[in-house]
Amino acid sequence: MNDSSAVTTLEPFDHMDSLPLFSVNPGVPIADALERAADLMGYAEALAAADAFTDKALESAVIQTLSEMAKALVTATKAAVGEAQS
């Protein structure tokens, strides 16, 4: 992808009763979105490796939420990347 104008699309996530509670905003530069996704995955990886939580259900929920946020960011970049390559 060489188009520096490529930006994210709207990507809802964290659904409750099939309604999204959060979303990735459209218009974020792809490089920024992917950098943030990498940060979020790094946090999830660090938490999993640290075994810091005594409440494993809480640890699992935190890691799942961070992962879902990162996935939404990556998904929000896919349409723009496809358009830029066309």
C-alpha atoms as a PDB file:
ATOM      1  CA  MET A   1       0.000   0.000   0.000  1.00  0.00           C
ATOM      2  CA  ASN A   2       1.582   3.241  -1.126  1.00  0.00           C
ATOM      3  CA  ASP A   3      -1.420   5.536  -0.738  1.00  0.00           C
ATOM      4  CA  SER A   4      -0.829   7.674   2.346  1.00  0.00           C
ATOM      5  CA  SER A   5      -4.451   8.884   2.148  1.00  0.00           C
ATOM      6  CA  ALA A   6      -5.846   5.434   3.018  1.00  0.00           C
ATOM      7  CA  VAL A   7      -7.910   5.601   6.185  1.00  0.00           C
ATOM      8  CA  THR A   8      -9.960   3.294   8.373  1.00  0.00           C
ATOM      9  CA  THR A   9     -13.615   2.505   7.853  1.00  0.00           C
ATOM     10  CA  LEU A  10     -16.252   2.338  10.581  1.00  0.00           C
ATOM     11  CA  GLU A  11     -15.861  -0.970  12.439  1.00  0.00           C
ATOM     12  CA  PRO A  12     -18.201  -1.710  15.376  1.00  0.00           C
ATOM     13  CA  PHE A  13     -17.076  -4.157  18.065  1.00  0.00           C
ATOM     14  CA  ASP A  14     -17.827  -5.388  21.606  1.00  0.00           C
ATOM     15  CA  HIS A  15     -21.421  -6.343  20.940  1.00  0.00           C
ATOM     16  CA  MET A  16     -23.964  -6.778  23.718  1.00  0.00           C
ATOM     17  CA  ASP A  17     -27.314  -8.236  22.708  1.00  0.00           C
ATOM     18  CA  SER A  18     -26.185  -7.820  19.070  1.00  0.00           C
ATOM     19  CA  LEU A  19     -25.657  -4.062  19.500  1.00  0.00           C
ATOM     20  CA  PRO A  20     -22.118  -2.667  19.249  1.00  0.00           C
ATOM     21  CA  LEU A  21     -20.941  -0.795  22.325  1.00  0.00           C
ATOM     22  CA  PHE A  22     -17.816   0.615  20.657  1.00  0.00           C
ATOM     23  CA  SER A  23     -16.437   1.219  17.180  1.00  0.00           C
ATOM     24  CA  VAL A  24     -13.305   2.215  15.322  1.00  0.00           C
ATOM     25  CA  ASN A  25     -13.865   5.673  13.875  1.00  0.00           C
ATOM     26  CA  PRO A  26     -13.599   6.105  10.128  1.00  0.00           C
ATOM     27  CA  GLY A  27     -10.907   8.396   8.782  1.00  0.00           C
ATOM     28  CA  VAL A  28      -7.937   7.344  10.924  1.00  0.00           C
ATOM     29  CA  PRO A  29      -4.735   6.951   8.886  1.00  0.00           C
ATOM     30  CA  ILE A  30      -3.955   3.261   8.338  1.00  0.00           C
ATOM     31  CA  ALA A  31      -0.431   3.516   9.763  1.00  0.00           C
ATOM     32  CA  ASP A  32      -1.783   5.001  13.005  1.00  0.00           C
ATOM     33  CA  ALA A  33      -4.504   2.357  13.313  1.00  0.00           C
ATOM     34  CA  LEU A  34      -2.070  -0.508  12.755  1.00  0.00           C
ATOM     35  CA  GLU A  35       0.442   0.978  15.199  1.00  0.00           C
ATOM     36  CA  ARG A  36      -2.272   1.141  17.865  1.00  0.00           C
ATOM     37  CA  ALA A  37      -3.372  -2.429  17.080  1.00  0.00           C
ATOM     38  CA  ALA A  38       0.213  -3.593  17.603  1.00  0.00           C
ATOM     39  CA  ASP A  39       0.333  -1.726  20.924  1.00  0.00           C
ATOM     40  CA  LEU A  40      -2.898  -3.382  22.085  1.00  0.00           C
ATOM     41  CA  MET A  41      -1.631  -6.848  21.145  1.00  0.00           C
ATOM     42  CA  GLY A  42       1.605  -6.115  23.002  1.00  0.00           C
ATOM     43  CA  TYR A  43      -0.397  -5.256  26.123  1.00  0.00           C
ATOM     44  CA  ALA A  44      -2.416  -8.472  25.816  1.00  0.00           C
ATOM     45  CA  GLU A  45       0.749 -10.507  25.312  1.00  0.00           C
ATOM     46  CA  ALA A  46       2.442  -8.890  28.325  1.00  0.00           C
ATOM     47  CA  LEU A  47      -0.564  -9.556  30.563  1.00  0.00           C
ATOM     48  CA  ALA A  48      -0.777 -13.182  29.467  1.00  0.00           C
ATOM     49  CA  ALA A  49       2.946 -13.735  30.016  1.00  0.00           C
ATOM     50  CA  ALA A  50       3.043 -11.958  33.378  1.00  0.00           C
ATOM     51  CA  ASP A  51       0.338 -14.117  34.945  1.00  0.00           C
ATOM     52  CA  ALA A  52      -0.368 -11.068  37.116  1.00  0.00           C
ATOM     53  CA  PHE A  53      -4.055 -11.562  37.854  1.00  0.00           C
ATOM     54  CA  THR A  54      -5.237 -13.756  40.690  1.00  0.00           C
ATOM     55  CA  ASP A  55      -8.726 -13.634  39.171  1.00  0.00           C
ATOM     56  CA  LYS A  56      -8.295 -15.633  35.969  1.00  0.00           C
ATOM     57  CA  ALA A  57     -11.780 -14.727  34.720  1.00  0.00           C
ATOM     58  CA  LEU A  58     -10.856 -11.043  34.935  1.00  0.00           C
ATOM     59  CA  GLU A  59      -7.520 -11.687  33.233  1.00  0.00           C
ATOM     60  CA  SER A  60      -9.273 -13.525  30.425  1.00  0.00           C
ATOM     61  CA  ALA A  61     -11.814 -10.718  29.995  1.00  0.00           C
ATOM     62  CA  VAL A  62      -9.110  -8.034  29.851  1.00  0.00           C
ATOM     63  CA  ILE A  63      -7.049  -9.971  27.307  1.00  0.00           C
ATOM     64  CA  GLN A  64     -10.150 -10.740  25.231  1.00  0.00           C
ATOM     65  CA  THR A  65     -11.166  -7.053  25.204  1.00  0.00           C
ATOM     66  CA  LEU A  66      -7.692  -5.876  24.185  1.00  0.00           C
ATOM     67  CA  SER A  67      -7.602  -8.508  21.443  1.00  0.00           C
ATOM     68  CA  GLU A  68     -11.059  -7.550  20.188  1.00  0.00           C
ATOM     69  CA  MET A  69     -10.018  -3.885  20.034  1.00  0.00           C
ATOM     70  CA  ALA A  70      -6.893  -4.772  18.048  1.00  0.00           C
ATOM     71  CA  LYS A  71      -8.872  -7.008  15.686  1.00  0.00           C
ATOM     72  CA  ALA A  72     -11.394  -4.225  15.028  1.00  0.00           C
ATOM     73  CA  LEU A  73      -8.561  -1.850  14.138  1.00  0.00           C
ATOM     74  CA  VAL A  74      -7.069  -4.348  11.697  1.00  0.00           C
ATOM     75  CA  THR A  75     -10.476  -5.099  10.161  1.00  0.00           C
ATOM     76  CA  ALA A  76     -11.157  -1.361   9.782  1.00  0.00           C
ATOM     77  CA  THR A  77      -7.993  -1.058   7.674  1.00  0.00           C
ATOM     78  CA  LYS A  78      -8.738  -3.954   5.307  1.00  0.00           C
ATOM     79  CA  ALA A  79     -11.252  -2.151   3.075  1.00  0.00           C
ATOM     80  CA  ALA A  80      -8.998   0.866   2.667  1.00  0.00           C
ATOM     81  CA  VAL A  81      -5.984  -1.294   1.851  1.00  0.00           C
ATOM     82  CA  GLY A  82      -8.002  -3.184  -0.758  1.00  0.00           C
ATOM     83  CA  GLU A  83      -9.183   0.075  -2.328  1.00  0.00           C
ATOM     84  CA  ALA A  84      -5.651   1.508  -2.371  1.00  0.00           C
ATOM     85  CA  GLN A  85      -4.343  -1.583  -4.177  1.00  0.00           C
ATOM     86  CA  SER A  86      -7.088  -1.476  -6.841  1.00  0.00           C
END
